[in-house]
Amino acid sequence: MWLVSGALKNYYRVNSTLPDRIIVFRDGVGDGQLETVHEHEVRQLLECFKRVGEEYKYVTVTLCRCHCRFVSHCIV
């Protein structure tokens, strides 16, 4: 989570304030991994936020059920 804390410190340096909200898109989480993500990654994120001096209240993990494929057809 050092990337997140570094990004927050840089944001504060540039803007003299921390963001109101943080949205983290976490790709590749399956139904069977939700508990692991909650136990490890969400806890690490919340601890990281506290270390930089802000107490964000909510963390949401969203699953994507979209299996779209984009196919390009080139006619020469």
PDB file of N, CA and C in Angstrom:
ATOM      1  N   MET A   1       0.805  -1.193   0.000  1.00  0.00           N
ATOM      2  CA  MET A   1       0.000   0.000   0.000  1.00  0.00           C
ATOM      3  C   MET A   1       0.856   1.268   0.000  1.00  0.00           C
ATOM      4  N   TRP A   2       2.160   1.085  -0.153  1.00  0.00           N
ATOM      5  CA  TRP A   2       3.026   2.266  -0.178  1.00  0.00           C
ATOM      6  C   TRP A   2       2.729   3.135  -1.389  1.00  0.00           C
ATOM      7  N   LEU A   3       2.203   2.559  -2.479  1.00  0.00           N
ATOM      8  CA  LEU A   3       1.818   3.371  -3.639  1.00  0.00           C
ATOM      9  C   LEU A   3       0.677   4.314  -3.286  1.00  0.00           C
ATOM     10  N   VAL A   4      -0.287   3.825  -2.529  1.00  0.00           N
ATOM     11  CA  VAL A   4      -1.431   4.644  -2.150  1.00  0.00           C
ATOM     12  C   VAL A   4      -0.992   5.765  -1.215  1.00  0.00           C
ATOM     13  N   SER A   5      -0.205   5.440  -0.209  1.00  0.00           N
ATOM     14  CA  SER A   5       0.228   6.484   0.717  1.00  0.00           C
ATOM     15  C   SER A   5       1.112   7.512   0.015  1.00  0.00           C
ATOM     16  N   GLY A   6       1.965   7.072  -0.896  1.00  0.00           N
ATOM     17  CA  GLY A   6       2.785   8.004  -1.665  1.00  0.00           C
ATOM     18  C   GLY A   6       1.940   8.904  -2.542  1.00  0.00           C
ATOM     19  N   ALA A   7       0.913   8.333  -3.176  1.00  0.00           N
ATOM     20  CA  ALA A   7       0.015   9.135  -4.018  1.00  0.00           C
ATOM     21  C   ALA A   7      -0.748  10.151  -3.184  1.00  0.00           C
ATOM     22  N   LEU A   8      -1.197   9.754  -1.993  1.00  0.00           N
ATOM     23  CA  LEU A   8      -1.913  10.688  -1.123  1.00  0.00           C
ATOM     24  C   LEU A   8      -1.007  11.815  -0.634  1.00  0.00           C
ATOM     25  N   LYS A   9       0.222  11.478  -0.282  1.00  0.00           N
ATOM     26  CA  LYS A   9       1.167  12.520   0.149  1.00  0.00           C
ATOM     27  C   LYS A   9       1.462  13.488  -0.983  1.00  0.00           C
ATOM     28  N   ASN A  10       1.624  12.973  -2.192  1.00  0.00           N
ATOM     29  CA  ASN A  10       1.862  13.836  -3.343  1.00  0.00           C
ATOM     30  C   ASN A  10       0.641  14.716  -3.640  1.00  0.00           C
ATOM     31  N   TYR A  11      -0.540  14.146  -3.543  1.00  0.00           N
ATOM     32  CA  TYR A  11      -1.774  14.906  -3.742  1.00  0.00           C
ATOM     33  C   TYR A  11      -1.840  16.058  -2.745  1.00  0.00           C
ATOM     34  N   TYR A  12      -1.524  15.764  -1.482  1.00  0.00           N
ATOM     35  CA  TYR A  12      -1.549  16.802  -0.449  1.00  0.00           C
ATOM     36  C   TYR A  12      -0.511  17.886  -0.724  1.00  0.00           C
ATOM     37  N   ARG A  13       0.659  17.480  -1.173  1.00  0.00           N
ATOM     38  CA  ARG A  13       1.713  18.457  -1.476  1.00  0.00           C
ATOM     39  C   ARG A  13       1.279  19.411  -2.589  1.00  0.00           C
ATOM     40  N   VAL A  14       0.599  18.881  -3.583  1.00  0.00           N
ATOM     41  CA  VAL A  14       0.185  19.704  -4.721  1.00  0.00           C
ATOM     42  C   VAL A  14      -1.052  20.540  -4.396  1.00  0.00           C
ATOM     43  N   ASN A  15      -2.016  19.969  -3.644  1.00  0.00           N
ATOM     44  CA  ASN A  15      -3.311  20.621  -3.437  1.00  0.00           C
ATOM     45  C   ASN A  15      -3.527  21.197  -2.042  1.00  0.00           C
ATOM     46  N   SER A  16      -2.623  20.968  -1.129  1.00  0.00           N
ATOM     47  CA  SER A  16      -2.724  21.421   0.268  1.00  0.00           C
ATOM     48  C   SER A  16      -3.962  20.875   0.982  1.00  0.00           C
ATOM     49  N   THR A  17      -4.488  19.795   0.502  1.00  0.00           N
ATOM     50  CA  THR A  17      -5.614  19.109   1.132  1.00  0.00           C
ATOM     51  C   THR A  17      -5.658  17.679   0.609  1.00  0.00           C
ATOM     52  N   LEU A  18      -6.301  16.815   1.355  1.00  0.00           N
ATOM     53  CA  LEU A  18      -6.494  15.443   0.898  1.00  0.00           C
ATOM     54  C   LEU A  18      -7.824  15.346   0.151  1.00  0.00           C
ATOM     55  N   PRO A  19      -7.977  14.367  -0.727  1.00  0.00           N
ATOM     56  CA  PRO A  19      -9.226  14.245  -1.479  1.00  0.00           C
ATOM     57  C   PRO A  19     -10.413  13.899  -0.578  1.00  0.00           C
ATOM     58  N   ASP A  20     -11.603  14.328  -0.994  1.00  0.00           N
ATOM     59  CA  ASP A  20     -12.822  13.997  -0.248  1.00  0.00           C
ATOM     60  C   ASP A  20     -13.147  12.512  -0.349  1.00  0.00           C
ATOM     61  N   ARG A  21     -12.902  11.957  -1.514  1.00  0.00           N
ATOM     62  CA  ARG A  21     -13.190  10.550  -1.765  1.00  0.00           C
ATOM     63  C   ARG A  21     -12.024   9.907  -2.490  1.00  0.00           C
ATOM     64  N   ILE A  22     -11.869   8.627  -2.279  1.00  0.00           N
ATOM     65  CA  ILE A  22     -10.870   7.856  -3.007  1.00  0.00           C
ATOM     66  C   ILE A  22     -11.596   6.656  -3.603  1.00  0.00           C
ATOM     67  N   ILE A  23     -11.424   6.461  -4.892  1.00  0.00           N
ATOM     68  CA  ILE A  23     -12.019   5.314  -5.568  1.00  0.00           C
ATOM     69  C   ILE A  23     -10.892   4.437  -6.089  1.00  0.00           C
ATOM     70  N   VAL A  24     -10.873   3.194  -5.644  1.00  0.00           N
ATOM     71  CA  VAL A  24      -9.861   2.242  -6.065  1.00  0.00           C
ATOM     72  C   VAL A  24     -10.567   1.162  -6.877  1.00  0.00           C
ATOM     73  N   PHE A  25     -10.193   1.021  -8.130  1.00  0.00           N
ATOM     74  CA  PHE A  25     -10.744  -0.029  -8.966  1.00  0.00           C
ATOM     75  C   PHE A  25      -9.835  -1.250  -8.847  1.00  0.00           C
ATOM     76  N   ARG A  26     -10.380  -2.319  -8.352  1.00  0.00           N
ATOM     77  CA  ARG A  26      -9.615  -3.549  -8.138  1.00  0.00           C
ATOM     78  C   ARG A  26     -10.144  -4.607  -9.086  1.00  0.00           C
ATOM     79  N   ASP A  27      -9.404  -4.872 -10.125  1.00  0.00           N
ATOM     80  CA  ASP A  27      -9.822  -5.834 -11.132  1.00  0.00           C
ATOM     81  C   ASP A  27      -9.392  -7.244 -10.732  1.00  0.00           C
ATOM     82  N   GLY A  28     -10.116  -8.233 -11.203  1.00  0.00           N
ATOM     83  CA  GLY A  28      -9.700  -9.611 -11.025  1.00  0.00           C
ATOM     84  C   GLY A  28     -10.111 -10.251  -9.718  1.00  0.00           C
ATOM     85  N   VAL A  29     -11.151  -9.735  -9.059  1.00  0.00           N
ATOM     86  CA  VAL A  29     -11.613 -10.322  -7.807  1.00  0.00           C
ATOM     87  C   VAL A  29     -12.820 -11.187  -8.104  1.00  0.00           C
ATOM     88  N   GLY A  30     -12.710 -12.464  -7.790  1.00  0.00           N
ATOM     89  CA  GLY A  30     -13.818 -13.384  -7.985  1.00  0.00           C
ATOM     90  C   GLY A  30     -14.625 -13.533  -6.711  1.00  0.00           C
ATOM     91  N   ASP A  31     -15.777 -14.189  -6.826  1.00  0.00           N
ATOM     92  CA  ASP A  31     -16.632 -14.401  -5.661  1.00  0.00           C
ATOM     93  C   ASP A  31     -15.892 -15.086  -4.511  1.00  0.00           C
ATOM     94  N   GLY A  32     -15.053 -16.031  -4.831  1.00  0.00           N
ATOM     95  CA  GLY A  32     -14.329 -16.765  -3.807  1.00  0.00           C
ATOM     96  C   GLY A  32     -13.205 -15.978  -3.150  1.00  0.00           C
ATOM     97  N   GLN A  33     -12.885 -14.828  -3.691  1.00  0.00           N
ATOM     98  CA  GLN A  33     -11.783 -14.024  -3.147  1.00  0.00           C
ATOM     99  C   GLN A  33     -12.248 -12.837  -2.318  1.00  0.00           C
ATOM    100  N   LEU A  34     -13.553 -12.605  -2.221  1.00  0.00           N
ATOM    101  CA  LEU A  34     -14.051 -11.432  -1.509  1.00  0.00           C
ATOM    102  C   LEU A  34     -13.609 -11.400  -0.050  1.00  0.00           C
ATOM    103  N   GLU A  35     -13.674 -12.524   0.618  1.00  0.00           N
ATOM    104  CA  GLU A  35     -13.281 -12.567   2.027  1.00  0.00           C
ATOM    105  C   GLU A  35     -11.795 -12.229   2.191  1.00  0.00           C
ATOM    106  N   THR A  36     -10.970 -12.767   1.313  1.00  0.00           N
ATOM    107  CA  THR A  36      -9.535 -12.490   1.363  1.00  0.00           C
ATOM    108  C   THR A  36      -9.251 -11.020   1.106  1.00  0.00           C
ATOM    109  N   VAL A  37      -9.923 -10.440   0.120  1.00  0.00           N
ATOM    110  CA  VAL A  37      -9.749  -9.018  -0.173  1.00  0.00           C
ATOM    111  C   VAL A  37     -10.167  -8.185   1.032  1.00  0.00           C
ATOM    112  N   HIS A  38     -11.280  -8.557   1.657  1.00  0.00           N
ATOM    113  CA  HIS A  38     -11.745  -7.810   2.827  1.00  0.00           C
ATOM    114  C   HIS A  38     -10.756  -7.925   3.982  1.00  0.00           C
ATOM    115  N   GLU A  39     -10.273  -9.118   4.244  1.00  0.00           N
ATOM    116  CA  GLU A  39      -9.376  -9.335   5.379  1.00  0.00           C
ATOM    117  C   GLU A  39      -8.022  -8.660   5.195  1.00  0.00           C
ATOM    118  N   HIS A  40      -7.526  -8.608   3.972  1.00  0.00           N
ATOM    119  CA  HIS A  40      -6.173  -8.114   3.755  1.00  0.00           C
ATOM    120  C   HIS A  40      -6.129  -6.740   3.097  1.00  0.00           C
ATOM    121  N   GLU A  41      -6.650  -6.631   1.904  1.00  0.00           N
ATOM    122  CA  GLU A  41      -6.489  -5.397   1.136  1.00  0.00           C
ATOM    123  C   GLU A  41      -7.283  -4.231   1.706  1.00  0.00           C
ATOM    124  N   VAL A  42      -8.532  -4.470   2.089  1.00  0.00           N
ATOM    125  CA  VAL A  42      -9.350  -3.379   2.639  1.00  0.00           C
ATOM    126  C   VAL A  42      -8.760  -2.902   3.957  1.00  0.00           C
ATOM    127  N   ARG A  43      -8.330  -3.816   4.787  1.00  0.00           N
ATOM    128  CA  ARG A  43      -7.711  -3.444   6.060  1.00  0.00           C
ATOM    129  C   ARG A  43      -6.441  -2.619   5.816  1.00  0.00           C
ATOM    130  N   GLN A  44      -5.633  -3.028   4.858  1.00  0.00           N
ATOM    131  CA  GLN A  44      -4.411  -2.278   4.545  1.00  0.00           C
ATOM    132  C   GLN A  44      -4.736  -0.885   4.036  1.00  0.00           C
ATOM    133  N   LEU A  45      -5.760  -0.764   3.193  1.00  0.00           N
ATOM    134  CA  LEU A  45      -6.156   0.556   2.700  1.00  0.00           C
ATOM    135  C   LEU A  45      -6.585   1.470   3.843  1.00  0.00           C
ATOM    136  N   LEU A  46      -7.430   0.959   4.742  1.00  0.00           N
ATOM    137  CA  LEU A  46      -7.897   1.776   5.862  1.00  0.00           C
ATOM    138  C   LEU A  46      -6.746   2.205   6.770  1.00  0.00           C
ATOM    139  N   GLU A  47      -5.793   1.305   7.018  1.00  0.00           N
ATOM    140  CA  GLU A  47      -4.617   1.657   7.819  1.00  0.00           C
ATOM    141  C   GLU A  47      -3.769   2.715   7.113  1.00  0.00           C
ATOM    142  N   CYS A  48      -3.637   2.588   5.813  1.00  0.00           N
ATOM    143  CA  CYS A  48      -2.887   3.555   5.018  1.00  0.00           C
ATOM    144  C   CYS A  48      -3.531   4.935   5.118  1.00  0.00           C
ATOM    145  N   PHE A  49      -4.858   4.990   5.017  1.00  0.00           N
ATOM    146  CA  PHE A  49      -5.553   6.268   5.115  1.00  0.00           C
ATOM    147  C   PHE A  49      -5.329   6.908   6.478  1.00  0.00           C
ATOM    148  N   LYS A  50      -5.360   6.117   7.532  1.00  0.00           N
ATOM    149  CA  LYS A  50      -5.121   6.646   8.878  1.00  0.00           C
ATOM    150  C   LYS A  50      -3.707   7.198   9.010  1.00  0.00           C
ATOM    151  N   ARG A  51      -2.731   6.514   8.388  1.00  0.00           N
ATOM    152  CA  ARG A  51      -1.329   6.960   8.483  1.00  0.00           C
ATOM    153  C   ARG A  51      -1.111   8.324   7.853  1.00  0.00           C
ATOM    154  N   VAL A  52      -1.850   8.632   6.797  1.00  0.00           N
ATOM    155  CA  VAL A  52      -1.680   9.936   6.157  1.00  0.00           C
ATOM    156  C   VAL A  52      -2.573  10.991   6.798  1.00  0.00           C
ATOM    157  N   GLY A  53      -3.347  10.599   7.804  1.00  0.00           N
ATOM    158  CA  GLY A  53      -4.081  11.572   8.588  1.00  0.00           C
ATOM    159  C   GLY A  53      -5.522  11.775   8.199  1.00  0.00           C
ATOM    160  N   GLU A  54      -6.093  10.854   7.476  1.00  0.00           N
ATOM    161  CA  GLU A  54      -7.496  11.006   7.076  1.00  0.00           C
ATOM    162  C   GLU A  54      -8.236   9.719   7.387  1.00  0.00           C
ATOM    163  N   GLU A  55      -9.447   9.859   7.873  1.00  0.00           N
ATOM    164  CA  GLU A  55     -10.268   8.698   8.213  1.00  0.00           C
ATOM    165  C   GLU A  55     -11.408   8.596   7.207  1.00  0.00           C
ATOM    166  N   TYR A  56     -11.203   7.812   6.168  1.00  0.00           N
ATOM    167  CA  TYR A  56     -12.260   7.568   5.199  1.00  0.00           C
ATOM    168  C   TYR A  56     -13.146   6.467   5.751  1.00  0.00           C
ATOM    169  N   LYS A  57     -14.445   6.593   5.567  1.00  0.00           N
ATOM    170  CA  LYS A  57     -15.381   5.728   6.273  1.00  0.00           C
ATOM    171  C   LYS A  57     -15.795   4.473   5.515  1.00  0.00           C
ATOM    172  N   TYR A  58     -15.761   4.508   4.216  1.00  0.00           N
ATOM    173  CA  TYR A  58     -16.302   3.388   3.457  1.00  0.00           C
ATOM    174  C   TYR A  58     -15.296   2.875   2.439  1.00  0.00           C
ATOM    175  N   VAL A  59     -15.279   1.582   2.291  1.00  0.00           N
ATOM    176  CA  VAL A  59     -14.530   0.940   1.214  1.00  0.00           C
ATOM    177  C   VAL A  59     -15.490  -0.044   0.560  1.00  0.00           C
ATOM    178  N   THR A  60     -15.640   0.044  -0.750  1.00  0.00           N
ATOM    179  CA  THR A  60     -16.541  -0.833  -1.489  1.00  0.00           C
ATOM    180  C   THR A  60     -15.746  -1.623  -2.508  1.00  0.00           C
ATOM    181  N   VAL A  61     -15.970  -2.911  -2.548  1.00  0.00           N
ATOM    182  CA  VAL A  61     -15.372  -3.763  -3.564  1.00  0.00           C
ATOM    183  C   VAL A  61     -16.486  -4.156  -4.524  1.00  0.00           C
ATOM    184  N   THR A  62     -16.299  -3.854  -5.789  1.00  0.00           N
ATOM    185  CA  THR A  62     -17.320  -4.121  -6.792  1.00  0.00           C
ATOM    186  C   THR A  62     -16.837  -5.194  -7.751  1.00  0.00           C
ATOM    187  N   LEU A  63     -17.691  -6.141  -8.025  1.00  0.00           N
ATOM    188  CA  LEU A  63     -17.373  -7.188  -8.981  1.00  0.00           C
ATOM    189  C   LEU A  63     -17.933  -6.810 -10.340  1.00  0.00           C
ATOM    190  N   CYS A  64     -17.200  -7.102 -11.365  1.00  0.00           N
ATOM    191  CA  CYS A  64     -17.637  -6.831 -12.731  1.00  0.00           C
ATOM    192  C   CYS A  64     -18.130  -8.128 -13.346  1.00  0.00           C
ATOM    193  N   ARG A  65     -19.318  -8.111 -13.833  1.00  0.00           N
ATOM    194  CA  ARG A  65     -19.897  -9.300 -14.464  1.00  0.00           C
ATOM    195  C   ARG A  65     -20.009  -9.121 -15.973  1.00  0.00           C
ATOM    196  N   CYS A  66     -19.228  -8.232 -16.506  1.00  0.00           N
ATOM    197  CA  CYS A  66     -19.306  -7.925 -17.924  1.00  0.00           C
ATOM    198  C   CYS A  66     -18.210  -8.681 -18.668  1.00  0.00           C
ATOM    199  N   HIS A  67     -18.605  -9.469 -19.612  1.00  0.00           N
ATOM    200  CA  HIS A  67     -17.643 -10.212 -20.418  1.00  0.00           C
ATOM    201  C   HIS A  67     -17.775  -9.751 -21.865  1.00  0.00           C
ATOM    202  N   CYS A  68     -17.347  -8.551 -22.110  1.00  0.00           N
ATOM    203  CA  CYS A  68     -17.464  -7.962 -23.445  1.00  0.00           C
ATOM    204  C   CYS A  68     -16.183  -8.185 -24.229  1.00  0.00           C
ATOM    205  N   ARG A  69     -16.354  -8.393 -25.497  1.00  0.00           N
ATOM    206  CA  ARG A  69     -15.200  -8.502 -26.388  1.00  0.00           C
ATOM    207  C   ARG A  69     -15.400  -7.514 -27.517  1.00  0.00           C
ATOM    208  N   PHE A  70     -14.365  -6.803 -27.829  1.00  0.00           N
ATOM    209  CA  PHE A  70     -14.397  -5.879 -28.940  1.00  0.00           C
ATOM    210  C   PHE A  70     -13.595  -6.497 -30.076  1.00  0.00           C
ATOM    211  N   VAL A  71     -14.229  -6.635 -31.214  1.00  0.00           N
ATOM    212  CA  VAL A  71     -13.593  -7.253 -32.351  1.00  0.00           C
ATOM    213  C   VAL A  71     -13.579  -6.239 -33.483  1.00  0.00           C
ATOM    214  N   SER A  72     -12.442  -6.069 -34.064  1.00  0.00           N
ATOM    215  CA  SER A  72     -12.308  -5.163 -35.183  1.00  0.00           C
ATOM    216  C   SER A  72     -12.179  -5.976 -36.453  1.00  0.00           C
ATOM    217  N   HIS A  73     -12.990  -5.662 -37.417  1.00  0.00           N
ATOM    218  CA  HIS A  73     -12.925  -6.334 -38.723  1.00  0.00           C
ATOM    219  C   HIS A  73     -12.343  -5.353 -39.721  1.00  0.00           C
ATOM    220  N   CYS A  74     -11.264  -5.733 -40.296  1.00  0.00           N
ATOM    221  CA  CYS A  74     -10.600  -4.882 -41.282  1.00  0.00           C
ATOM    222  C   CYS A  74     -10.767  -5.510 -42.652  1.00  0.00           C
ATOM    223  N   ILE A  75     -11.388  -4.770 -43.540  1.00  0.00           N
ATOM    224  CA  ILE A  75     -11.567  -5.259 -44.912  1.00  0.00           C
ATOM    225  C   ILE A  75     -10.579  -4.524 -45.799  1.00  0.00           C
ATOM    226  N   VAL A  76      -9.724  -5.305 -46.417  1.00  0.00           N
ATOM    227  CA  VAL A  76      -8.687  -4.704 -47.266  1.00  0.00           C
ATOM    228  C   VAL A  76      -9.029  -4.933 -48.711  1.00  0.00           C
TER     229      VAL A  76
END
